[in-house]
């Protein structure tokens, strides 16, 4: 992203998808993502485990790491105050940042809809089944 109009448009789209981190943290993550390949194995494994639980297929090769993992790793490092208490929420924000609506639906379904009765949703913290997960 090279001009402010593109950044503002992308942040606006991110917010339309329900994004909750600040514009400053969003821009910081985008800046860090340019040319970044995260090498921290534990962060990569966390993202892969969350994706696997939700039925989200990640596409990484020896030469390139899936952008959703990269953004997850960056958000994990900068720890936006809005989501710093949950790796699941960080992964959700990474999906929103890359505008992966299909994966967002899978994650919400896995965490909110398909949980045992009386347990809380790892994304929104609600225990009632009839409430929507943001």
Foldseek 3Di string as FASTA:
>chain_A
DPDPVVLVVLVVQLVVLVADFDSVLLVVLVVCLVVDDDDPPVLLVLLVVLCVLLVHDFDADPVGGGQLSSSLVSCCVVQGVVPNVASLQSSLSSCSSVPVVVSNVSSQCSQQVPDDQQAAGRHARDRDNVDGRD
